[in-house]
Amino acid sequence: FLSRYQLDVPRLPATHNNSTRVSPSMISKFSFEKKNTSTHRIERPPHWGFFISRKLARPFLPISMPRGFERQMILESFYQKTKRRRPSLPLTPEMLSRAKAKLRPLNFNLLFLTVWFGLRPQEVENLKKTRSWVVERMNSGRRVLRVFQTKLVALPPDDRWKPIPILYPEQELGLEIIERGKFKKPLGKTMQNHFGIGYSA
């Protein structure tokens, strides 16, 4: 028992006879009560973590959220799923204007941003995170929207920002939509009902 759990047993009193058997009660008396220590000082067996994990059906230590490179690789594997679908047919501003009255405002706003900023629907969804975009003003006075592209995991973080110059009044309106965060990705059947087969978001 002693060699297995490696108890920190103090030196016994001088009156102790070597022939006297050391009982668990004596260990408790001299090791834990006298020194005011806890039984947690016992060194658990090396397979304790494996045993308790299986017994409780949960990790021995809490698993933290993936960050940095690990998070980027998870996103990359999501984008590169084995089940690939055909790319959507191009959506023009004229087609979007004709379908505006039939679409929900949130869906229209997302499609509006994809058309006038040249972004993928998933990139537009990421704009809801304030740290994924920033508006800067150039020396010429023109504003530029910079969007962080999470898919470019092979590049350093500083090189993943996509600059989009603000050239048209529709893009000025798009910046207001981004600031409000009022946009949502439409369903595939919604795209097909309003634009035809081959269109998706």
N, C-alpha and C. Protein backbone atom coordinates (compact mmCIF):
# COMPACT_ATOMS: atom_id res chain seq x y z
N PHE A 1 0.83 -1.21 0.00
CA PHE A 1 0.00 0.00 0.00
C PHE A 1 0.86 1.26 0.00
N LEU A 2 1.92 1.25 0.87
CA LEU A 2 2.77 2.43 0.98
C LEU A 2 3.56 2.67 -0.29
N SER A 3 4.13 1.62 -0.85
CA SER A 3 4.95 1.79 -2.05
C SER A 3 4.10 2.15 -3.26
N ARG A 4 2.86 1.74 -3.28
CA ARG A 4 2.00 2.01 -4.43
C ARG A 4 1.55 3.47 -4.47
N TYR A 5 1.17 4.02 -3.32
CA TYR A 5 0.65 5.37 -3.30
C TYR A 5 1.66 6.40 -2.80
N GLN A 6 2.83 5.96 -2.36
CA GLN A 6 3.91 6.85 -1.98
C GLN A 6 3.45 7.92 -0.99
N LEU A 7 2.99 7.45 0.16
CA LEU A 7 2.54 8.38 1.19
C LEU A 7 3.73 9.09 1.81
N ASP A 8 3.52 10.34 2.16
CA ASP A 8 4.54 11.12 2.82
C ASP A 8 4.40 10.90 4.33
N VAL A 9 4.96 9.80 4.82
CA VAL A 9 4.81 9.43 6.23
C VAL A 9 5.97 10.03 7.01
N PRO A 10 5.73 10.81 8.04
CA PRO A 10 6.82 11.39 8.82
C PRO A 10 7.50 10.35 9.69
N ARG A 11 8.63 10.75 10.26
CA ARG A 11 9.37 9.85 11.15
C ARG A 11 8.52 9.59 12.40
N LEU A 12 8.42 8.32 12.77
CA LEU A 12 7.61 7.95 13.93
C LEU A 12 8.31 8.35 15.22
N PRO A 13 7.59 8.48 16.32
CA PRO A 13 8.21 8.87 17.59
C PRO A 13 9.28 7.89 18.02
N ALA A 14 10.20 8.36 18.91
CA ALA A 14 11.31 7.52 19.36
C ALA A 14 10.82 6.32 20.16
N THR A 15 9.66 6.44 20.78
CA THR A 15 9.14 5.34 21.59
C THR A 15 8.58 4.21 20.76
N HIS A 16 8.57 4.42 19.45
CA HIS A 16 7.98 3.41 18.57
C HIS A 16 8.91 2.21 18.46
N ASN A 17 8.36 1.03 18.58
CA ASN A 17 9.11 -0.21 18.45
C ASN A 17 9.10 -0.66 17.01
N ASN A 18 10.26 -1.04 16.48
CA ASN A 18 10.35 -1.44 15.08
C ASN A 18 9.52 -2.67 14.79
N SER A 19 9.25 -3.44 15.79
CA SER A 19 8.46 -4.65 15.57
C SER A 19 6.97 -4.36 15.52
N THR A 20 6.61 -3.10 15.90
CA THR A 20 5.20 -2.74 15.89
C THR A 20 4.72 -2.56 14.46
N ARG A 21 3.58 -3.09 14.15
CA ARG A 21 3.01 -2.99 12.82
C ARG A 21 2.42 -1.61 12.60
N VAL A 22 2.73 -1.02 11.42
CA VAL A 22 2.20 0.30 11.07
C VAL A 22 0.83 0.11 10.44
N SER A 23 -0.20 0.58 11.12
CA SER A 23 -1.56 0.43 10.62
C SER A 23 -2.01 1.69 9.90
N PRO A 24 -3.05 1.59 9.07
CA PRO A 24 -3.58 2.79 8.41
C PRO A 24 -4.01 3.87 9.37
N SER A 25 -4.49 3.47 10.56
CA SER A 25 -4.90 4.48 11.53
C SER A 25 -3.70 5.28 12.03
N MET A 26 -2.54 4.61 12.19
CA MET A 26 -1.34 5.32 12.60
C MET A 26 -0.88 6.28 11.52
N ILE A 27 -0.98 5.83 10.28
CA ILE A 27 -0.61 6.71 9.17
C ILE A 27 -1.47 7.96 9.17
N SER A 28 -2.78 7.75 9.38
CA SER A 28 -3.69 8.89 9.41
C SER A 28 -3.35 9.81 10.56
N LYS A 29 -2.99 9.22 11.71
CA LYS A 29 -2.72 10.03 12.89
C LYS A 29 -1.47 10.86 12.72
N PHE A 30 -0.37 10.22 12.29
CA PHE A 30 0.92 10.90 12.25
C PHE A 30 1.12 11.71 10.97
N SER A 31 0.49 11.30 9.87
CA SER A 31 0.75 11.98 8.61
C SER A 31 -0.24 13.09 8.32
N PHE A 32 -1.52 12.83 8.56
CA PHE A 32 -2.54 13.77 8.14
C PHE A 32 -3.00 14.67 9.29
N GLU A 33 -3.25 14.10 10.45
CA GLU A 33 -3.78 14.90 11.54
C GLU A 33 -2.69 15.74 12.21
N LYS A 34 -1.53 15.13 12.43
CA LYS A 34 -0.47 15.85 13.13
C LYS A 34 0.07 16.99 12.28
N LYS A 35 0.23 16.76 10.96
CA LYS A 35 0.80 17.78 10.07
C LYS A 35 -0.28 18.65 9.44
N ASN A 36 -1.57 18.36 9.75
CA ASN A 36 -2.68 19.13 9.19
C ASN A 36 -2.64 19.16 7.67
N THR A 37 -2.32 18.03 7.06
CA THR A 37 -2.29 17.93 5.61
C THR A 37 -3.51 17.17 5.14
N SER A 38 -3.73 17.19 3.84
CA SER A 38 -4.92 16.57 3.26
C SER A 38 -4.54 15.27 2.60
N THR A 39 -5.54 14.41 2.46
CA THR A 39 -5.32 13.16 1.75
C THR A 39 -5.06 13.37 0.27
N HIS A 40 -5.25 14.60 -0.22
CA HIS A 40 -4.97 14.88 -1.63
C HIS A 40 -3.48 14.83 -1.93
N ARG A 41 -2.64 14.75 -0.88
CA ARG A 41 -1.21 14.64 -1.10
C ARG A 41 -0.83 13.27 -1.61
N ILE A 42 -1.76 12.33 -1.56
CA ILE A 42 -1.48 11.00 -2.08
C ILE A 42 -1.28 11.08 -3.58
N GLU A 43 -0.21 10.51 -4.07
CA GLU A 43 0.05 10.49 -5.51
C GLU A 43 -0.79 9.40 -6.14
N ARG A 44 -1.70 9.78 -7.02
CA ARG A 44 -2.61 8.82 -7.62
C ARG A 44 -1.87 7.95 -8.63
N PRO A 45 -2.39 6.77 -8.91
CA PRO A 45 -1.75 5.89 -9.89
C PRO A 45 -1.64 6.59 -11.24
N PRO A 46 -0.69 6.14 -12.07
CA PRO A 46 -0.48 6.83 -13.36
C PRO A 46 -1.66 6.75 -14.30
N HIS A 47 -2.52 5.74 -14.16
CA HIS A 47 -3.66 5.59 -15.06
C HIS A 47 -4.94 6.16 -14.47
N TRP A 48 -4.82 6.99 -13.43
CA TRP A 48 -6.02 7.53 -12.80
C TRP A 48 -6.81 8.40 -13.76
N GLY A 49 -6.12 9.26 -14.54
CA GLY A 49 -6.83 10.13 -15.47
C GLY A 49 -7.60 9.36 -16.51
N PHE A 50 -7.00 8.27 -17.03
CA PHE A 50 -7.70 7.45 -18.01
C PHE A 50 -8.91 6.77 -17.39
N PHE A 51 -8.77 6.30 -16.15
CA PHE A 51 -9.87 5.61 -15.49
C PHE A 51 -11.04 6.55 -15.23
N ILE A 52 -10.75 7.73 -14.66
CA ILE A 52 -11.84 8.64 -14.30
C ILE A 52 -12.50 9.22 -15.54
N SER A 53 -11.75 9.36 -16.64
CA SER A 53 -12.35 9.86 -17.88
C SER A 53 -13.37 8.88 -18.42
N ARG A 54 -13.03 7.59 -18.39
CA ARG A 54 -13.97 6.58 -18.86
C ARG A 54 -15.14 6.42 -17.90
N LYS A 55 -14.86 6.56 -16.60
CA LYS A 55 -15.91 6.39 -15.61
C LYS A 55 -16.95 7.50 -15.72
N LEU A 56 -16.51 8.73 -15.92
CA LEU A 56 -17.41 9.88 -15.99
C LEU A 56 -17.85 10.21 -17.39
N ALA A 57 -17.24 9.56 -18.39
CA ALA A 57 -17.57 9.80 -19.79
C ALA A 57 -17.38 11.27 -20.18
N ARG A 58 -16.26 11.84 -19.74
CA ARG A 58 -15.94 13.21 -20.09
C ARG A 58 -14.43 13.42 -19.96
N PRO A 59 -13.89 14.45 -20.56
CA PRO A 59 -12.44 14.65 -20.52
C PRO A 59 -11.94 14.86 -19.09
N PHE A 60 -10.72 14.41 -18.84
CA PHE A 60 -10.13 14.58 -17.51
C PHE A 60 -9.86 16.06 -17.23
N LEU A 61 -9.45 16.80 -18.25
CA LEU A 61 -9.24 18.24 -18.14
C LEU A 61 -10.17 18.96 -19.11
N PRO A 62 -10.62 20.17 -18.82
CA PRO A 62 -11.49 20.89 -19.75
C PRO A 62 -10.77 21.19 -21.06
N ILE A 63 -11.50 21.06 -22.15
CA ILE A 63 -10.96 21.31 -23.48
C ILE A 63 -11.25 22.76 -23.85
N SER A 64 -10.23 23.52 -24.12
CA SER A 64 -10.39 24.92 -24.47
C SER A 64 -10.80 25.06 -25.92
N MET A 65 -11.39 26.20 -26.26
CA MET A 65 -11.80 26.48 -27.62
C MET A 65 -10.57 26.60 -28.51
N PRO A 66 -10.63 26.06 -29.74
CA PRO A 66 -9.47 26.17 -30.63
C PRO A 66 -9.22 27.62 -31.00
N ARG A 67 -7.96 27.98 -31.07
CA ARG A 67 -7.56 29.34 -31.42
C ARG A 67 -6.41 29.30 -32.42
N GLY A 68 -6.20 30.43 -33.05
CA GLY A 68 -5.05 30.58 -33.91
C GLY A 68 -5.04 29.60 -35.07
N PHE A 69 -3.91 28.92 -35.23
CA PHE A 69 -3.73 28.03 -36.38
C PHE A 69 -4.71 26.87 -36.34
N GLU A 70 -4.98 26.30 -35.16
CA GLU A 70 -5.91 25.17 -35.08
C GLU A 70 -7.31 25.58 -35.55
N ARG A 71 -7.75 26.77 -35.16
CA ARG A 71 -9.07 27.23 -35.59
C ARG A 71 -9.12 27.44 -37.10
N GLN A 72 -8.04 27.98 -37.66
CA GLN A 72 -8.00 28.21 -39.10
C GLN A 72 -8.02 26.89 -39.87
N MET A 73 -7.37 25.85 -39.35
CA MET A 73 -7.37 24.56 -40.03
C MET A 73 -8.75 23.91 -39.98
N ILE A 74 -9.48 24.11 -38.88
CA ILE A 74 -10.84 23.59 -38.81
C ILE A 74 -11.72 24.27 -39.85
N LEU A 75 -11.58 25.58 -39.99
CA LEU A 75 -12.34 26.30 -41.00
C LEU A 75 -11.96 25.84 -42.40
N GLU A 76 -10.67 25.62 -42.62
CA GLU A 76 -10.22 25.18 -43.93
C GLU A 76 -10.80 23.82 -44.29
N SER A 77 -10.83 22.90 -43.33
CA SER A 77 -11.41 21.58 -43.60
C SER A 77 -12.91 21.68 -43.86
N PHE A 78 -13.56 22.66 -43.23
CA PHE A 78 -14.99 22.86 -43.49
C PHE A 78 -15.23 23.34 -44.92
N TYR A 79 -14.37 24.26 -45.37
CA TYR A 79 -14.53 24.78 -46.72
C TYR A 79 -14.16 23.74 -47.78
N GLN A 80 -13.29 22.81 -47.45
CA GLN A 80 -12.84 21.82 -48.41
C GLN A 80 -13.49 20.46 -48.15
N LYS A 81 -14.77 20.47 -47.92
CA LYS A 81 -15.50 19.23 -47.70
C LYS A 81 -15.49 18.39 -48.98
N THR A 82 -15.55 17.09 -48.77
CA THR A 82 -15.53 16.20 -49.94
C THR A 82 -16.75 16.40 -50.83
N LYS A 83 -17.88 16.73 -50.22
CA LYS A 83 -19.09 16.97 -50.99
C LYS A 83 -19.07 18.40 -51.52
N ARG A 84 -18.76 18.53 -52.77
CA ARG A 84 -18.67 19.84 -53.39
C ARG A 84 -19.91 20.10 -54.23
N ARG A 85 -20.31 21.33 -54.28
CA ARG A 85 -21.45 21.70 -55.11
C ARG A 85 -20.98 22.68 -56.18
N ARG A 86 -21.75 22.77 -57.20
CA ARG A 86 -21.39 23.64 -58.31
C ARG A 86 -21.47 25.11 -57.87
N PRO A 87 -20.59 25.94 -58.40
CA PRO A 87 -20.66 27.37 -58.05
C PRO A 87 -21.94 27.99 -58.56
N SER A 88 -22.40 28.99 -57.87
CA SER A 88 -23.64 29.66 -58.25
C SER A 88 -23.45 30.48 -59.52
N LEU A 89 -24.50 30.61 -60.27
CA LEU A 89 -24.47 31.49 -61.43
C LEU A 89 -24.34 32.94 -60.97
N PRO A 90 -23.74 33.80 -61.80
CA PRO A 90 -23.55 35.20 -61.37
C PRO A 90 -24.87 35.94 -61.21
N LEU A 91 -24.93 36.72 -60.16
CA LEU A 91 -26.11 37.53 -59.87
C LEU A 91 -25.79 39.00 -60.19
N THR A 92 -26.59 39.61 -61.03
CA THR A 92 -26.34 40.98 -61.47
C THR A 92 -27.16 41.97 -60.64
N PRO A 93 -26.74 43.24 -60.60
CA PRO A 93 -27.54 44.24 -59.88
C PRO A 93 -28.96 44.37 -60.42
N GLU A 94 -29.13 44.22 -61.73
CA GLU A 94 -30.47 44.33 -62.31
C GLU A 94 -31.38 43.20 -61.82
N MET A 95 -30.85 41.99 -61.77
CA MET A 95 -31.65 40.85 -61.28
C MET A 95 -32.02 41.05 -59.81
N LEU A 96 -31.08 41.57 -59.04
CA LEU A 96 -31.36 41.79 -57.63
C LEU A 96 -32.41 42.87 -57.43
N SER A 97 -32.39 43.91 -58.25
CA SER A 97 -33.38 44.99 -58.14
C SER A 97 -34.78 44.50 -58.46
N ARG A 98 -34.91 43.62 -59.44
CA ARG A 98 -36.23 43.09 -59.81
C ARG A 98 -36.80 42.19 -58.72
N ALA A 99 -35.93 41.52 -57.98
CA ALA A 99 -36.41 40.59 -56.94
C ALA A 99 -36.49 41.22 -55.56
N LYS A 100 -36.20 42.51 -55.45
CA LYS A 100 -36.16 43.16 -54.13
C LYS A 100 -37.51 43.09 -53.42
N ALA A 101 -38.60 43.30 -54.14
CA ALA A 101 -39.92 43.31 -53.51
C ALA A 101 -40.33 41.91 -53.02
N LYS A 102 -39.73 40.86 -53.56
CA LYS A 102 -40.12 39.50 -53.19
C LYS A 102 -39.24 38.92 -52.08
N LEU A 103 -38.09 39.50 -51.86
CA LEU A 103 -37.15 38.96 -50.87
C LEU A 103 -37.37 39.60 -49.50
N ARG A 104 -37.01 38.87 -48.48
CA ARG A 104 -37.00 39.45 -47.15
C ARG A 104 -35.89 40.48 -47.05
N PRO A 105 -36.08 41.53 -46.27
CA PRO A 105 -35.04 42.58 -46.18
C PRO A 105 -33.67 42.05 -45.77
N LEU A 106 -33.64 41.13 -44.82
CA LEU A 106 -32.35 40.59 -44.38
C LEU A 106 -31.66 39.82 -45.49
N ASN A 107 -32.43 39.02 -46.25
CA ASN A 107 -31.85 38.27 -47.36
C ASN A 107 -31.40 39.20 -48.48
N PHE A 108 -32.20 40.21 -48.75
CA PHE A 108 -31.82 41.17 -49.79
C PHE A 108 -30.53 41.90 -49.42
N ASN A 109 -30.38 42.27 -48.16
CA ASN A 109 -29.18 42.99 -47.75
C ASN A 109 -27.92 42.14 -47.94
N LEU A 110 -28.00 40.86 -47.62
CA LEU A 110 -26.82 40.01 -47.82
C LEU A 110 -26.47 39.88 -49.29
N LEU A 111 -27.46 39.66 -50.14
CA LEU A 111 -27.19 39.56 -51.57
C LEU A 111 -26.70 40.90 -52.11
N PHE A 112 -27.19 41.98 -51.57
CA PHE A 112 -26.74 43.31 -51.98
C PHE A 112 -25.25 43.48 -51.71
N LEU A 113 -24.80 43.00 -50.55
CA LEU A 113 -23.38 43.10 -50.20
C LEU A 113 -22.52 42.19 -51.06
N THR A 114 -23.02 41.01 -51.40
CA THR A 114 -22.23 40.11 -52.25
C THR A 114 -22.06 40.70 -53.65
N VAL A 115 -23.08 41.38 -54.15
CA VAL A 115 -23.03 41.93 -55.52
C VAL A 115 -22.11 43.14 -55.58
N TRP A 116 -22.22 44.06 -54.64
CA TRP A 116 -21.52 45.35 -54.74
C TRP A 116 -20.13 45.34 -54.08
N PHE A 117 -19.82 44.31 -53.32
CA PHE A 117 -18.49 44.21 -52.74
C PHE A 117 -17.71 43.00 -53.24
N GLY A 118 -18.35 42.16 -54.04
CA GLY A 118 -17.65 41.00 -54.59
C GLY A 118 -17.23 39.99 -53.54
N LEU A 119 -18.06 39.80 -52.53
CA LEU A 119 -17.75 38.88 -51.44
C LEU A 119 -18.61 37.62 -51.53
N ARG A 120 -18.08 36.53 -51.04
CA ARG A 120 -18.86 35.31 -50.94
C ARG A 120 -19.86 35.43 -49.79
N PRO A 121 -20.98 34.69 -49.85
CA PRO A 121 -21.97 34.77 -48.77
C PRO A 121 -21.38 34.50 -47.39
N GLN A 122 -20.46 33.54 -47.29
CA GLN A 122 -19.86 33.25 -46.00
C GLN A 122 -19.00 34.41 -45.52
N GLU A 123 -18.33 35.08 -46.43
CA GLU A 123 -17.54 36.25 -46.06
C GLU A 123 -18.44 37.38 -45.56
N VAL A 124 -19.60 37.51 -46.16
CA VAL A 124 -20.54 38.53 -45.69
C VAL A 124 -21.06 38.17 -44.31
N GLU A 125 -21.32 36.89 -44.06
CA GLU A 125 -21.76 36.48 -42.73
C GLU A 125 -20.71 36.80 -41.68
N ASN A 126 -19.44 36.68 -42.05
CA ASN A 126 -18.37 36.98 -41.10
C ASN A 126 -18.29 38.48 -40.77
N LEU A 127 -18.91 39.32 -41.57
CA LEU A 127 -18.88 40.76 -41.30
C LEU A 127 -19.65 41.13 -40.03
N LYS A 128 -20.44 40.19 -39.51
CA LYS A 128 -21.13 40.46 -38.25
C LYS A 128 -20.16 40.56 -37.09
N LYS A 129 -18.96 40.02 -37.28
CA LYS A 129 -17.90 40.14 -36.27
C LYS A 129 -17.16 41.45 -36.52
N THR A 130 -17.12 42.30 -35.53
CA THR A 130 -16.55 43.64 -35.71
C THR A 130 -15.07 43.60 -36.05
N ARG A 131 -14.37 42.55 -35.66
CA ARG A 131 -12.94 42.48 -35.92
C ARG A 131 -12.60 41.93 -37.29
N SER A 132 -13.60 41.58 -38.08
CA SER A 132 -13.34 41.00 -39.39
C SER A 132 -13.39 42.04 -40.51
N TRP A 133 -13.65 43.29 -40.18
CA TRP A 133 -13.67 44.33 -41.21
C TRP A 133 -13.32 45.68 -40.59
N VAL A 134 -12.83 46.57 -41.43
CA VAL A 134 -12.46 47.90 -41.00
C VAL A 134 -12.53 48.84 -42.20
N VAL A 135 -12.90 50.07 -41.96
CA VAL A 135 -12.97 51.09 -43.03
C VAL A 135 -11.84 52.08 -42.80
N GLU A 136 -11.03 52.28 -43.82
CA GLU A 136 -9.91 53.20 -43.75
C GLU A 136 -10.08 54.27 -44.82
N ARG A 137 -9.43 55.40 -44.61
CA ARG A 137 -9.48 56.50 -45.57
C ARG A 137 -8.07 56.73 -46.13
N MET A 138 -7.98 56.73 -47.44
CA MET A 138 -6.69 56.91 -48.11
C MET A 138 -6.31 58.39 -48.13
N ASN A 139 -5.07 58.66 -48.55
CA ASN A 139 -4.61 60.04 -48.64
C ASN A 139 -5.43 60.85 -49.63
N SER A 140 -5.97 60.18 -50.64
CA SER A 140 -6.80 60.88 -51.62
C SER A 140 -8.19 61.22 -51.09
N GLY A 141 -8.53 60.72 -49.91
CA GLY A 141 -9.84 60.97 -49.34
C GLY A 141 -10.84 59.86 -49.59
N ARG A 142 -10.49 58.90 -50.45
CA ARG A 142 -11.40 57.80 -50.76
C ARG A 142 -11.36 56.76 -49.63
N ARG A 143 -12.52 56.24 -49.29
CA ARG A 143 -12.59 55.23 -48.25
C ARG A 143 -12.39 53.84 -48.84
N VAL A 144 -11.84 52.96 -48.03
CA VAL A 144 -11.57 51.58 -48.44
C VAL A 144 -12.07 50.64 -47.36
N LEU A 145 -12.84 49.65 -47.77
CA LEU A 145 -13.30 48.60 -46.86
C LEU A 145 -12.32 47.45 -46.92
N ARG A 146 -11.76 47.09 -45.77
CA ARG A 146 -10.83 45.97 -45.69
C ARG A 146 -11.53 44.82 -44.94
N VAL A 147 -11.59 43.65 -45.61
CA VAL A 147 -12.30 42.48 -45.09
C VAL A 147 -11.29 41.37 -44.84
N PHE A 148 -11.35 40.78 -43.65
CA PHE A 148 -10.46 39.68 -43.31
C PHE A 148 -11.02 38.39 -43.89
N GLN A 149 -10.21 37.68 -44.68
CA GLN A 149 -10.63 36.44 -45.34
C GLN A 149 -10.07 35.25 -44.56
N THR A 150 -10.96 34.54 -43.87
CA THR A 150 -10.53 33.41 -43.04
C THR A 150 -10.09 32.21 -43.86
N LYS A 151 -10.48 32.15 -45.12
CA LYS A 151 -10.15 30.98 -45.93
C LYS A 151 -8.68 30.94 -46.32
N LEU A 152 -8.01 32.07 -46.34
CA LEU A 152 -6.62 32.12 -46.80
C LEU A 152 -5.69 31.75 -45.65
N VAL A 153 -5.72 30.47 -45.23
CA VAL A 153 -4.92 30.04 -44.08
C VAL A 153 -3.44 29.93 -44.43
N ALA A 154 -3.11 29.84 -45.72
CA ALA A 154 -1.71 29.70 -46.11
C ALA A 154 -0.95 31.01 -46.02
N LEU A 155 -1.65 32.13 -45.86
CA LEU A 155 -1.00 33.44 -45.81
C LEU A 155 -0.91 33.93 -44.37
N PRO A 156 0.06 34.78 -44.08
CA PRO A 156 0.11 35.39 -42.75
C PRO A 156 -1.13 36.23 -42.50
N PRO A 157 -1.52 36.43 -41.25
CA PRO A 157 -2.75 37.19 -40.96
C PRO A 157 -2.77 38.58 -41.57
N ASP A 158 -1.62 39.25 -41.64
CA ASP A 158 -1.61 40.61 -42.20
C ASP A 158 -1.89 40.63 -43.70
N ASP A 159 -1.69 39.49 -44.38
CA ASP A 159 -1.90 39.43 -45.83
C ASP A 159 -3.28 38.89 -46.20
N ARG A 160 -4.13 38.65 -45.22
CA ARG A 160 -5.46 38.10 -45.50
C ARG A 160 -6.53 39.18 -45.61
N TRP A 161 -6.15 40.44 -45.51
CA TRP A 161 -7.12 41.52 -45.59
C TRP A 161 -7.34 41.90 -47.05
N LYS A 162 -8.58 41.86 -47.48
CA LYS A 162 -8.94 42.19 -48.86
C LYS A 162 -9.41 43.65 -48.93
N PRO A 163 -8.69 44.51 -49.66
CA PRO A 163 -9.12 45.91 -49.77
C PRO A 163 -10.17 46.07 -50.87
N ILE A 164 -11.24 46.78 -50.54
CA ILE A 164 -12.32 47.05 -51.50
C ILE A 164 -12.56 48.56 -51.51
N PRO A 165 -12.14 49.26 -52.56
CA PRO A 165 -12.37 50.71 -52.61
C PRO A 165 -13.85 51.04 -52.77
N ILE A 166 -14.28 52.09 -52.12
CA ILE A 166 -15.67 52.54 -52.19
C ILE A 166 -15.79 53.51 -53.37
N LEU A 167 -16.41 53.03 -54.47
CA LEU A 167 -16.47 53.81 -55.71
C LEU A 167 -17.88 54.23 -56.08
N TYR A 168 -18.90 53.51 -55.61
CA TYR A 168 -20.26 53.74 -56.06
C TYR A 168 -21.16 54.10 -54.88
N PRO A 169 -22.25 54.81 -55.14
CA PRO A 169 -23.19 55.13 -54.05
C PRO A 169 -23.79 53.88 -53.40
N GLU A 170 -23.95 52.80 -54.18
CA GLU A 170 -24.47 51.57 -53.61
C GLU A 170 -23.53 50.99 -52.55
N GLN A 171 -22.22 51.21 -52.74
CA GLN A 171 -21.27 50.73 -51.74
C GLN A 171 -21.33 51.56 -50.47
N GLU A 172 -21.63 52.85 -50.61
CA GLU A 172 -21.83 53.67 -49.41
C GLU A 172 -23.03 53.15 -48.62
N LEU A 173 -24.09 52.78 -49.32
CA LEU A 173 -25.24 52.18 -48.66
C LEU A 173 -24.88 50.84 -48.04
N GLY A 174 -24.00 50.10 -48.72
CA GLY A 174 -23.57 48.81 -48.19
C GLY A 174 -22.81 48.95 -46.87
N LEU A 175 -22.03 50.02 -46.73
CA LEU A 175 -21.33 50.24 -45.46
C LEU A 175 -22.31 50.46 -44.32
N GLU A 176 -23.40 51.16 -44.59
CA GLU A 176 -24.42 51.35 -43.56
C GLU A 176 -25.07 50.02 -43.17
N ILE A 177 -25.27 49.14 -44.15
CA ILE A 177 -25.85 47.82 -43.85
C ILE A 177 -24.89 47.01 -42.98
N ILE A 178 -23.60 47.10 -43.29
CA ILE A 178 -22.61 46.35 -42.51
C ILE A 178 -22.56 46.87 -41.07
N GLU A 179 -22.61 48.18 -40.89
CA GLU A 179 -22.57 48.75 -39.55
C GLU A 179 -23.78 48.33 -38.72
N ARG A 180 -24.94 48.22 -39.37
CA ARG A 180 -26.15 47.79 -38.64
C ARG A 180 -26.16 46.29 -38.40
N GLY A 181 -25.47 45.52 -39.24
CA GLY A 181 -25.46 44.07 -39.10
C GLY A 181 -26.78 43.42 -39.43
N LYS A 182 -27.58 44.07 -40.26
CA LYS A 182 -28.91 43.56 -40.60
C LYS A 182 -28.85 42.82 -41.94
N PHE A 183 -28.34 41.61 -41.92
CA PHE A 183 -28.31 40.78 -43.13
C PHE A 183 -28.25 39.32 -42.72
N LYS A 184 -28.80 38.47 -43.58
CA LYS A 184 -28.88 37.04 -43.29
C LYS A 184 -28.84 36.26 -44.59
N LYS A 185 -28.18 35.12 -44.55
CA LYS A 185 -28.03 34.29 -45.74
C LYS A 185 -29.36 33.63 -46.10
N PRO A 186 -29.83 33.75 -47.35
CA PRO A 186 -31.10 33.11 -47.74
C PRO A 186 -30.91 31.62 -47.97
N LEU A 187 -31.99 30.89 -47.93
CA LEU A 187 -31.96 29.46 -48.20
C LEU A 187 -31.77 29.20 -49.68
N GLY A 188 -31.30 27.98 -49.98
CA GLY A 188 -31.10 27.62 -51.38
C GLY A 188 -32.38 27.63 -52.19
N LYS A 189 -33.46 27.15 -51.58
CA LYS A 189 -34.74 27.13 -52.30
C LYS A 189 -35.27 28.54 -52.52
N THR A 190 -34.94 29.45 -51.63
CA THR A 190 -35.34 30.84 -51.83
C THR A 190 -34.64 31.43 -53.04
N MET A 191 -33.37 31.14 -53.20
CA MET A 191 -32.63 31.63 -54.37
C MET A 191 -33.19 31.06 -55.66
N GLN A 192 -33.51 29.78 -55.65
CA GLN A 192 -34.05 29.15 -56.87
C GLN A 192 -35.45 29.64 -57.19
N ASN A 193 -36.25 29.94 -56.17
CA ASN A 193 -37.61 30.42 -56.43
C ASN A 193 -37.62 31.80 -57.08
N HIS A 194 -36.65 32.64 -56.70
CA HIS A 194 -36.65 34.02 -57.18
C HIS A 194 -35.69 34.26 -58.36
N PHE A 195 -34.66 33.41 -58.52
CA PHE A 195 -33.69 33.64 -59.58
C PHE A 195 -33.56 32.49 -60.55
N GLY A 196 -34.05 31.30 -60.17
CA GLY A 196 -33.99 30.16 -61.07
C GLY A 196 -32.98 29.10 -60.61
N ILE A 197 -33.00 27.99 -61.32
CA ILE A 197 -32.09 26.89 -60.98
C ILE A 197 -30.65 27.29 -61.31
N GLY A 198 -29.75 26.94 -60.42
CA GLY A 198 -28.33 27.27 -60.61
C GLY A 198 -27.85 28.41 -59.76
N TYR A 199 -28.79 29.07 -59.06
CA TYR A 199 -28.41 30.19 -58.18
C TYR A 199 -28.48 29.72 -56.73
N SER A 200 -27.45 30.04 -55.99
CA SER A 200 -27.38 29.66 -54.58
C SER A 200 -26.65 30.74 -53.82
N ALA A 201 -26.71 30.65 -52.50
CA ALA A 201 -26.04 31.65 -51.64
C ALA A 201 -25.13 30.95 -50.66
